[in-house]
Amino acid sequence: MTGARADRARRAPRPLLFVHGVYRGSWCFAEHLGPYFEARGNDVHLVDLPLGPTRFGMPECVEAVAAAWQAVSPPPVVIGHSLGGQVVRAALA
């Protein structure tokens, strides 16, 4: 491998921040995806959104994701599933 491809292969993997969807928690990533990516050298972080059984507050969820993102260095790749994807989009806006 030479050039830019070799440089990418030598760099440490970026940290990952997983954001779950509705009716889930960070546990849905902790069992399989977290260990899978950790075994490949990623620093894995999980967010638990402040969701209730009948409602959620988007501002509170955005704050939770923003706080988790700011706590990770270097800035992580953020992966949101379902509602988690919408929360990530709102946090980026």
PDB file of N, CA and C in Angstrom:
ATOM      1  N   MET A   1       0.841  -1.164   0.000  1.00  0.00           N
ATOM      2  CA  MET A   1       0.000   0.000   0.000  1.00  0.00           C
ATOM      3  C   MET A   1       0.894   1.238   0.000  1.00  0.00           C
ATOM      4  N   THR A   2       0.566   2.206  -0.830  1.00  0.00           N
ATOM      5  CA  THR A   2       1.368   3.420  -0.901  1.00  0.00           C
ATOM      6  C   THR A   2       0.468   4.641  -0.943  1.00  0.00           C
ATOM      7  N   GLY A   3       1.070   5.792  -0.722  1.00  0.00           N
ATOM      8  CA  GLY A   3       0.368   7.059  -0.874  1.00  0.00           C
ATOM      9  C   GLY A   3      -0.684   7.307   0.182  1.00  0.00           C
ATOM     10  N   ALA A   4      -1.755   7.991  -0.236  1.00  0.00           N
ATOM     11  CA  ALA A   4      -2.813   8.403   0.682  1.00  0.00           C
ATOM     12  C   ALA A   4      -3.492   7.214   1.342  1.00  0.00           C
ATOM     13  N   ARG A   5      -3.623   6.129   0.621  1.00  0.00           N
ATOM     14  CA  ARG A   5      -4.259   4.936   1.189  1.00  0.00           C
ATOM     15  C   ARG A   5      -3.444   4.383   2.351  1.00  0.00           C
ATOM     16  N   ALA A   6      -2.136   4.358   2.218  1.00  0.00           N
ATOM     17  CA  ALA A   6      -1.269   3.878   3.293  1.00  0.00           C
ATOM     18  C   ALA A   6      -1.333   4.821   4.490  1.00  0.00           C
ATOM     19  N   ASP A   7      -1.401   6.134   4.235  1.00  0.00           N
ATOM     20  CA  ASP A   7      -1.509   7.092   5.333  1.00  0.00           C
ATOM     21  C   ASP A   7      -2.792   6.879   6.124  1.00  0.00           C
ATOM     22  N   ARG A   8      -3.904   6.644   5.414  1.00  0.00           N
ATOM     23  CA  ARG A   8      -5.180   6.384   6.094  1.00  0.00           C
ATOM     24  C   ARG A   8      -5.105   5.123   6.934  1.00  0.00           C
ATOM     25  N   ALA A   9      -4.454   4.108   6.427  1.00  0.00           N
ATOM     26  CA  ALA A   9      -4.367   2.829   7.141  1.00  0.00           C
ATOM     27  C   ALA A   9      -3.534   2.962   8.414  1.00  0.00           C
ATOM     28  N   ARG A  10      -2.566   3.867   8.442  1.00  0.00           N
ATOM     29  CA  ARG A  10      -1.710   4.031   9.622  1.00  0.00           C
ATOM     30  C   ARG A  10      -2.345   4.900  10.705  1.00  0.00           C
ATOM     31  N   ARG A  11      -3.300   5.733  10.339  1.00  0.00           N
ATOM     32  CA  ARG A  11      -3.933   6.613  11.319  1.00  0.00           C
ATOM     33  C   ARG A  11      -4.785   5.814  12.290  1.00  0.00           C
ATOM     34  N   ALA A  12      -4.851   6.309  13.514  1.00  0.00           N
ATOM     35  CA  ALA A  12      -5.714   5.673  14.509  1.00  0.00           C
ATOM     36  C   ALA A  12      -7.172   5.890  14.113  1.00  0.00           C
ATOM     37  N   PRO A  13      -8.032   4.896  14.336  1.00  0.00           N
ATOM     38  CA  PRO A  13      -9.452   5.065  14.021  1.00  0.00           C
ATOM     39  C   PRO A  13     -10.058   6.204  14.845  1.00  0.00           C
ATOM     40  N   ARG A  14     -11.023   6.876  14.254  1.00  0.00           N
ATOM     41  CA  ARG A  14     -11.714   7.958  14.958  1.00  0.00           C
ATOM     42  C   ARG A  14     -12.611   7.370  16.033  1.00  0.00           C
ATOM     43  N   PRO A  15     -12.828   8.111  17.116  1.00  0.00           N
ATOM     44  CA  PRO A  15     -13.802   7.665  18.116  1.00  0.00           C
ATOM     45  C   PRO A  15     -15.198   7.634  17.487  1.00  0.00           C
ATOM     46  N   LEU A  16     -16.043   6.770  18.011  1.00  0.00           N
ATOM     47  CA  LEU A  16     -17.412   6.645  17.523  1.00  0.00           C
ATOM     48  C   LEU A  16     -18.376   6.982  18.653  1.00  0.00           C
ATOM     49  N   LEU A  17     -19.423   7.722  18.335  1.00  0.00           N
ATOM     50  CA  LEU A  17     -20.466   8.069  19.288  1.00  0.00           C
ATOM     51  C   LEU A  17     -21.788   7.554  18.734  1.00  0.00           C
ATOM     52  N   PHE A  18     -22.379   6.578  19.421  1.00  0.00           N
ATOM     53  CA  PHE A  18     -23.631   5.973  18.977  1.00  0.00           C
ATOM     54  C   PHE A  18     -24.806   6.601  19.726  1.00  0.00           C
ATOM     55  N   VAL A  19     -25.856   6.947  18.961  1.00  0.00           N
ATOM     56  CA  VAL A  19     -27.065   7.549  19.528  1.00  0.00           C
ATOM     57  C   VAL A  19     -28.249   6.665  19.147  1.00  0.00           C
ATOM     58  N   HIS A  20     -28.928   6.127  20.135  1.00  0.00           N
ATOM     59  CA  HIS A  20     -30.018   5.173  19.899  1.00  0.00           C
ATOM     60  C   HIS A  20     -31.307   5.854  19.452  1.00  0.00           C
ATOM     61  N   GLY A  21     -32.246   5.025  19.024  1.00  0.00           N
ATOM     62  CA  GLY A  21     -33.555   5.510  18.611  1.00  0.00           C
ATOM     63  C   GLY A  21     -34.576   5.410  19.739  1.00  0.00           C
ATOM     64  N   VAL A  22     -35.824   5.664  19.384  1.00  0.00           N
ATOM     65  CA  VAL A  22     -36.911   5.625  20.360  1.00  0.00           C
ATOM     66  C   VAL A  22     -37.153   4.181  20.812  1.00  0.00           C
ATOM     67  N   TYR A  23     -37.628   4.004  22.023  1.00  0.00           N
ATOM     68  CA  TYR A  23     -37.879   2.698  22.637  1.00  0.00           C
ATOM     69  C   TYR A  23     -36.624   1.855  22.785  1.00  0.00           C
ATOM     70  N   ARG A  24     -35.484   2.489  22.811  1.00  0.00           N
ATOM     71  CA  ARG A  24     -34.210   1.799  22.990  1.00  0.00           C
ATOM     72  C   ARG A  24     -33.364   2.576  23.985  1.00  0.00           C
ATOM     73  N   GLY A  25     -32.199   2.058  24.241  1.00  0.00           N
ATOM     74  CA  GLY A  25     -31.207   2.731  25.070  1.00  0.00           C
ATOM     75  C   GLY A  25     -29.835   2.402  24.524  1.00  0.00           C
ATOM     76  N   SER A  26     -28.819   2.902  25.174  1.00  0.00           N
ATOM     77  CA  SER A  26     -27.463   2.645  24.690  1.00  0.00           C
ATOM     78  C   SER A  26     -27.135   1.154  24.715  1.00  0.00           C
ATOM     79  N   TRP A  27     -27.877   0.390  25.500  1.00  0.00           N
ATOM     80  CA  TRP A  27     -27.656  -1.051  25.582  1.00  0.00           C
ATOM     81  C   TRP A  27     -27.778  -1.726  24.213  1.00  0.00           C
ATOM     82  N   CYS A  28     -28.577  -1.126  23.304  1.00  0.00           N
ATOM     83  CA  CYS A  28     -28.762  -1.768  21.990  1.00  0.00           C
ATOM     84  C   CYS A  28     -27.477  -1.750  21.165  1.00  0.00           C
ATOM     85  N   PHE A  29     -26.540  -0.850  21.482  1.00  0.00           N
ATOM     86  CA  PHE A  29     -25.241  -0.834  20.811  1.00  0.00           C
ATOM     87  C   PHE A  29     -24.170  -1.543  21.636  1.00  0.00           C
ATOM     88  N   ALA A  30     -24.372  -1.608  22.928  1.00  0.00           N
ATOM     89  CA  ALA A  30     -23.338  -2.128  23.833  1.00  0.00           C
ATOM     90  C   ALA A  30     -23.059  -3.617  23.639  1.00  0.00           C
ATOM     91  N   GLU A  31     -24.067  -4.366  23.225  1.00  0.00           N
ATOM     92  CA  GLU A  31     -23.890  -5.815  23.147  1.00  0.00           C
ATOM     93  C   GLU A  31     -23.071  -6.269  21.939  1.00  0.00           C
ATOM     94  N   HIS A  32     -23.313  -5.680  20.765  1.00  0.00           N
ATOM     95  CA  HIS A  32     -22.650  -6.176  19.558  1.00  0.00           C
ATOM     96  C   HIS A  32     -21.777  -5.129  18.863  1.00  0.00           C
ATOM     97  N   LEU A  33     -22.361  -3.980  18.525  1.00  0.00           N
ATOM     98  CA  LEU A  33     -21.605  -2.992  17.751  1.00  0.00           C
ATOM     99  C   LEU A  33     -20.448  -2.386  18.536  1.00  0.00           C
ATOM    100  N   GLY A  34     -20.672  -2.089  19.811  1.00  0.00           N
ATOM    101  CA  GLY A  34     -19.590  -1.527  20.625  1.00  0.00           C
ATOM    102  C   GLY A  34     -18.367  -2.432  20.652  1.00  0.00           C
ATOM    103  N   PRO A  35     -18.527  -3.690  21.056  1.00  0.00           N
ATOM    104  CA  PRO A  35     -17.377  -4.601  21.067  1.00  0.00           C
ATOM    105  C   PRO A  35     -16.766  -4.824  19.684  1.00  0.00           C
ATOM    106  N   TYR A  36     -17.596  -4.854  18.650  1.00  0.00           N
ATOM    107  CA  TYR A  36     -17.091  -5.052  17.287  1.00  0.00           C
ATOM    108  C   TYR A  36     -16.118  -3.930  16.914  1.00  0.00           C
ATOM    109  N   PHE A  37     -16.524  -2.691  17.124  1.00  0.00           N
ATOM    110  CA  PHE A  37     -15.674  -1.563  16.755  1.00  0.00           C
ATOM    111  C   PHE A  37     -14.507  -1.370  17.716  1.00  0.00           C
ATOM    112  N   GLU A  38     -14.696  -1.673  18.992  1.00  0.00           N
ATOM    113  CA  GLU A  38     -13.576  -1.591  19.938  1.00  0.00           C
ATOM    114  C   GLU A  38     -12.481  -2.585  19.561  1.00  0.00           C
ATOM    115  N   ALA A  39     -12.877  -3.775  19.114  1.00  0.00           N
ATOM    116  CA  ALA A  39     -11.897  -4.789  18.703  1.00  0.00           C
ATOM    117  C   ALA A  39     -11.096  -4.333  17.489  1.00  0.00           C
ATOM    118  N   ARG A  40     -11.619  -3.360  16.764  1.00  0.00           N
ATOM    119  CA  ARG A  40     -10.924  -2.832  15.592  1.00  0.00           C
ATOM    120  C   ARG A  40     -10.223  -1.507  15.878  1.00  0.00           C
ATOM    121  N   GLY A  41     -10.076  -1.183  17.165  1.00  0.00           N
ATOM    122  CA  GLY A  41      -9.291  -0.027  17.567  1.00  0.00           C
ATOM    123  C   GLY A  41     -10.042   1.268  17.766  1.00  0.00           C
ATOM    124  N   ASN A  42     -11.374   1.258  17.627  1.00  0.00           N
ATOM    125  CA  ASN A  42     -12.148   2.478  17.839  1.00  0.00           C
ATOM    126  C   ASN A  42     -12.434   2.693  19.318  1.00  0.00           C
ATOM    127  N   ASP A  43     -12.442   3.933  19.722  1.00  0.00           N
ATOM    128  CA  ASP A  43     -12.892   4.316  21.056  1.00  0.00           C
ATOM    129  C   ASP A  43     -14.398   4.532  20.922  1.00  0.00           C
ATOM    130  N   VAL A  44     -15.204   3.702  21.585  1.00  0.00           N
ATOM    131  CA  VAL A  44     -16.657   3.717  21.414  1.00  0.00           C
ATOM    132  C   VAL A  44     -17.315   4.420  22.592  1.00  0.00           C
ATOM    133  N   HIS A  45     -18.239   5.335  22.262  1.00  0.00           N
ATOM    134  CA  HIS A  45     -19.001   6.072  23.269  1.00  0.00           C
ATOM    135  C   HIS A  45     -20.483   5.899  22.960  1.00  0.00           C
ATOM    136  N   LEU A  46     -21.289   5.791  24.009  1.00  0.00           N
ATOM    137  CA  LEU A  46     -22.725   5.585  23.867  1.00  0.00           C
ATOM    138  C   LEU A  46     -23.472   6.689  24.600  1.00  0.00           C
ATOM    139  N   VAL A  47     -24.567   7.147  24.015  1.00  0.00           N
ATOM    140  CA  VAL A  47     -25.397   8.181  24.634  1.00  0.00           C
ATOM    141  C   VAL A  47     -26.739   7.574  24.992  1.00  0.00           C
ATOM    142  N   ASP A  48     -27.226   7.863  26.183  1.00  0.00           N
ATOM    143  CA  ASP A  48     -28.596   7.521  26.557  1.00  0.00           C
ATOM    144  C   ASP A  48     -29.423   8.796  26.455  1.00  0.00           C
ATOM    145  N   LEU A  49     -30.366   8.816  25.524  1.00  0.00           N
ATOM    146  CA  LEU A  49     -31.226   9.982  25.371  1.00  0.00           C
ATOM    147  C   LEU A  49     -32.239  10.030  26.503  1.00  0.00           C
ATOM    148  N   PRO A  50     -32.592  11.231  26.973  1.00  0.00           N
ATOM    149  CA  PRO A  50     -33.575  11.350  28.058  1.00  0.00           C
ATOM    150  C   PRO A  50     -34.999  11.191  27.525  1.00  0.00           C
ATOM    151  N   LEU A  51     -35.354   9.951  27.221  1.00  0.00           N
ATOM    152  CA  LEU A  51     -36.673   9.649  26.667  1.00  0.00           C
ATOM    153  C   LEU A  51     -37.568   9.055  27.734  1.00  0.00           C
ATOM    154  N   GLY A  52     -38.828   9.464  27.734  1.00  0.00           N
ATOM    155  CA  GLY A  52     -39.803   8.876  28.631  1.00  0.00           C
ATOM    156  C   GLY A  52     -40.656   7.866  27.891  1.00  0.00           C
ATOM    157  N   PRO A  53     -41.500   7.128  28.612  1.00  0.00           N
ATOM    158  CA  PRO A  53     -42.312   6.096  27.956  1.00  0.00           C
ATOM    159  C   PRO A  53     -43.362   6.663  27.001  1.00  0.00           C
ATOM    160  N   THR A  54     -43.791   7.907  27.187  1.00  0.00           N
ATOM    161  CA  THR A  54     -44.836   8.453  26.337  1.00  0.00           C
ATOM    162  C   THR A  54     -44.440   9.739  25.620  1.00  0.00           C
ATOM    163  N   ARG A  55     -43.299  10.305  25.920  1.00  0.00           N
ATOM    164  CA  ARG A  55     -42.916  11.549  25.271  1.00  0.00           C
ATOM    165  C   ARG A  55     -41.406  11.711  25.296  1.00  0.00           C
ATOM    166  N   PHE A  56     -40.937  12.600  24.462  1.00  0.00           N
ATOM    167  CA  PHE A  56     -39.532  12.980  24.526  1.00  0.00           C
ATOM    168  C   PHE A  56     -39.436  14.469  24.241  1.00  0.00           C
ATOM    169  N   GLY A  57     -38.404  15.083  24.766  1.00  0.00           N
ATOM    170  CA  GLY A  57     -38.156  16.486  24.505  1.00  0.00           C
ATOM    171  C   GLY A  57     -36.936  16.617  23.606  1.00  0.00           C
ATOM    172  N   MET A  58     -37.150  17.096  22.394  1.00  0.00           N
ATOM    173  CA  MET A  58     -36.038  17.228  21.455  1.00  0.00           C
ATOM    174  C   MET A  58     -34.919  18.104  22.032  1.00  0.00           C
ATOM    175  N   PRO A  59     -35.216  19.239  22.687  1.00  0.00           N
ATOM    176  CA  PRO A  59     -34.116  20.050  23.216  1.00  0.00           C
ATOM    177  C   PRO A  59     -33.245  19.286  24.220  1.00  0.00           C
ATOM    178  N   GLU A  60     -33.866  18.481  25.059  1.00  0.00           N
ATOM    179  CA  GLU A  60     -33.107  17.706  26.041  1.00  0.00           C
ATOM    180  C   GLU A  60     -32.240  16.643  25.359  1.00  0.00           C
ATOM    181  N   CYS A  61     -32.788  16.022  24.314  1.00  0.00           N
ATOM    182  CA  CYS A  61     -32.029  15.014  23.577  1.00  0.00           C
ATOM    183  C   CYS A  61     -30.846  15.653  22.854  1.00  0.00           C
ATOM    184  N   VAL A  62     -31.074  16.818  22.239  1.00  0.00           N
ATOM    185  CA  VAL A  62     -29.998  17.528  21.544  1.00  0.00           C
ATOM    186  C   VAL A  62     -28.906  17.914  22.535  1.00  0.00           C
ATOM    187  N   GLU A  63     -29.293  18.380  23.715  1.00  0.00           N
ATOM    188  CA  GLU A  63     -28.306  18.740  24.744  1.00  0.00           C
ATOM    189  C   GLU A  63     -27.481  17.528  25.164  1.00  0.00           C
ATOM    190  N   ALA A  64     -28.118  16.376  25.294  1.00  0.00           N
ATOM    191  CA  ALA A  64     -27.399  15.160  25.688  1.00  0.00           C
ATOM    192  C   ALA A  64     -26.366  14.769  24.634  1.00  0.00           C
ATOM    193  N   VAL A  65     -26.740  14.854  23.358  1.00  0.00           N
ATOM    194  CA  VAL A  65     -25.813  14.506  22.278  1.00  0.00           C
ATOM    195  C   VAL A  65     -24.686  15.534  22.198  1.00  0.00           C
ATOM    196  N   ALA A  66     -25.018  16.807  22.313  1.00  0.00           N
ATOM    197  CA  ALA A  66     -23.996  17.860  22.250  1.00  0.00           C
ATOM    198  C   ALA A  66     -22.990  17.717  23.389  1.00  0.00           C
ATOM    199  N   ALA A  67     -23.477  17.413  24.582  1.00  0.00           N
ATOM    200  CA  ALA A  67     -22.577  17.236  25.732  1.00  0.00           C
ATOM    201  C   ALA A  67     -21.672  16.028  25.525  1.00  0.00           C
ATOM    202  N   ALA A  68     -22.227  14.938  25.021  1.00  0.00           N
ATOM    203  CA  ALA A  68     -21.421  13.741  24.781  1.00  0.00           C
ATOM    204  C   ALA A  68     -20.387  14.004  23.694  1.00  0.00           C
ATOM    205  N   TRP A  69     -20.787  14.695  22.631  1.00  0.00           N
ATOM    206  CA  TRP A  69     -19.871  15.002  21.528  1.00  0.00           C
ATOM    207  C   TRP A  69     -18.711  15.862  22.018  1.00  0.00           C
ATOM    208  N   GLN A  70     -18.999  16.862  22.845  1.00  0.00           N
ATOM    209  CA  GLN A  70     -17.959  17.749  23.351  1.00  0.00           C
ATOM    210  C   GLN A  70     -17.018  17.052  24.316  1.00  0.00           C
ATOM    211  N   ALA A  71     -17.475  15.972  24.947  1.00  0.00           N
ATOM    212  CA  ALA A  71     -16.657  15.257  25.930  1.00  0.00           C
ATOM    213  C   ALA A  71     -15.651  14.309  25.279  1.00  0.00           C
ATOM    214  N   VAL A  72     -15.793  14.074  23.982  1.00  0.00           N
ATOM    215  CA  VAL A  72     -14.924  13.116  23.290  1.00  0.00           C
ATOM    216  C   VAL A  72     -13.886  13.875  22.459  1.00  0.00           C
ATOM    217  N   SER A  73     -12.651  13.436  22.578  1.00  0.00           N
ATOM    218  CA  SER A  73     -11.580  14.064  21.799  1.00  0.00           C
ATOM    219  C   SER A  73     -10.714  12.975  21.188  1.00  0.00           C
ATOM    220  N   PRO A  74     -10.383  13.080  19.910  1.00  0.00           N
ATOM    221  CA  PRO A  74     -10.800  14.085  18.936  1.00  0.00           C
ATOM    222  C   PRO A  74     -12.285  13.950  18.643  1.00  0.00           C
ATOM    223  N   PRO A  75     -12.865  14.930  17.943  1.00  0.00           N
ATOM    224  CA  PRO A  75     -14.299  14.861  17.647  1.00  0.00           C
ATOM    225  C   PRO A  75     -14.673  13.518  17.015  1.00  0.00           C
ATOM    226  N   PRO A  76     -15.733  12.887  17.537  1.00  0.00           N
ATOM    227  CA  PRO A  76     -16.096  11.554  17.052  1.00  0.00           C
ATOM    228  C   PRO A  76     -16.919  11.571  15.781  1.00  0.00           C
ATOM    229  N   VAL A  77     -16.972  10.408  15.163  1.00  0.00           N
ATOM    230  CA  VAL A  77     -17.961  10.138  14.127  1.00  0.00           C
ATOM    231  C   VAL A  77     -19.239   9.814  14.891  1.00  0.00           C
ATOM    232  N   VAL A  78     -20.337  10.480  14.566  1.00  0.00           N
ATOM    233  CA  VAL A  78     -21.594  10.280  15.292  1.00  0.00           C
ATOM    234  C   VAL A  78     -22.524   9.427  14.434  1.00  0.00           C
ATOM    235  N   ILE A  79     -23.043   8.370  15.041  1.00  0.00           N
ATOM    236  CA  ILE A  79     -23.908   7.419  14.349  1.00  0.00           C
ATOM    237  C   ILE A  79     -25.243   7.393  15.073  1.00  0.00           C
ATOM    238  N   GLY A  80     -26.278   7.869  14.412  1.00  0.00           N
ATOM    239  CA  GLY A  80     -27.602   7.908  15.015  1.00  0.00           C
ATOM    240  C   GLY A  80     -28.547   6.952  14.313  1.00  0.00           C
ATOM    241  N   HIS A  81     -29.329   6.228  15.090  1.00  0.00           N
ATOM    242  CA  HIS A  81     -30.312   5.296  14.543  1.00  0.00           C
ATOM    243  C   HIS A  81     -31.713   5.831  14.806  1.00  0.00           C
ATOM    244  N   SER A  82     -32.538   5.869  13.782  1.00  0.00           N
ATOM    245  CA  SER A  82     -33.936   6.255  13.894  1.00  0.00           C
ATOM    246  C   SER A  82     -34.040   7.657  14.511  1.00  0.00           C
ATOM    247  N   LEU A  83     -34.711   7.788  15.630  1.00  0.00           N
ATOM    248  CA  LEU A  83     -34.817   9.088  16.297  1.00  0.00           C
ATOM    249  C   LEU A  83     -33.435   9.653  16.608  1.00  0.00           C
ATOM    250  N   GLY A  84     -32.489   8.788  16.917  1.00  0.00           N
ATOM    251  CA  GLY A  84     -31.124   9.242  17.186  1.00  0.00           C
ATOM    252  C   GLY A  84     -30.537   9.989  16.005  1.00  0.00           C
ATOM    253  N   GLY A  85     -30.868   9.573  14.789  1.00  0.00           N
ATOM    254  CA  GLY A  85     -30.414  10.269  13.593  1.00  0.00           C
ATOM    255  C   GLY A  85     -31.002  11.663  13.502  1.00  0.00           C
ATOM    256  N   GLN A  86     -32.272  11.805  13.857  1.00  0.00           N
ATOM    257  CA  GLN A  86     -32.910  13.122  13.842  1.00  0.00           C
ATOM    258  C   GLN A  86     -32.309  14.028  14.915  1.00  0.00           C
ATOM    259  N   VAL A  87     -32.012  13.455  16.061  1.00  0.00           N
ATOM    260  CA  VAL A  87     -31.411  14.238  17.140  1.00  0.00           C
ATOM    261  C   VAL A  87     -30.025  14.716  16.715  1.00  0.00           C
ATOM    262  N   VAL A  88     -29.253  13.857  16.073  1.00  0.00           N
ATOM    263  CA  VAL A  88     -27.924  14.244  15.597  1.00  0.00           C
ATOM    264  C   VAL A  88     -28.045  15.375  14.580  1.00  0.00           C
ATOM    265  N   ARG A  89     -28.980  15.264  13.661  1.00  0.00           N
ATOM    266  CA  ARG A  89     -29.179  16.336  12.666  1.00  0.00           C
ATOM    267  C   ARG A  89     -29.544  17.641  13.346  1.00  0.00           C
ATOM    268  N   ALA A  90     -30.419  17.585  14.351  1.00  0.00           N
ATOM    269  CA  ALA A  90     -30.808  18.800  15.070  1.00  0.00           C
ATOM    270  C   ALA A  90     -29.621  19.377  15.842  1.00  0.00           C
ATOM    271  N   ALA A  91     -28.796  18.517  16.417  1.00  0.00           N
ATOM    272  CA  ALA A  91     -27.627  18.988  17.163  1.00  0.00           C
ATOM    273  C   ALA A  91     -26.623  19.668  16.232  1.00  0.00           C
ATOM    274  N   LEU A  92     -26.481  19.161  15.019  1.00  0.00           N
ATOM    275  CA  LEU A  92     -25.554  19.751  14.057  1.00  0.00           C
ATOM    276  C   LEU A  92     -26.064  21.078  13.505  1.00  0.00           C
ATOM    277  N   ALA A  93     -27.384  21.244  13.488  1.00  0.00           N
ATOM    278  CA  ALA A  93     -27.963  22.489  12.973  1.00  0.00           C
ATOM    279  C   ALA A  93     -27.701  23.579  13.980  1.00  0.00           C
TER     280      ALA A  93
END
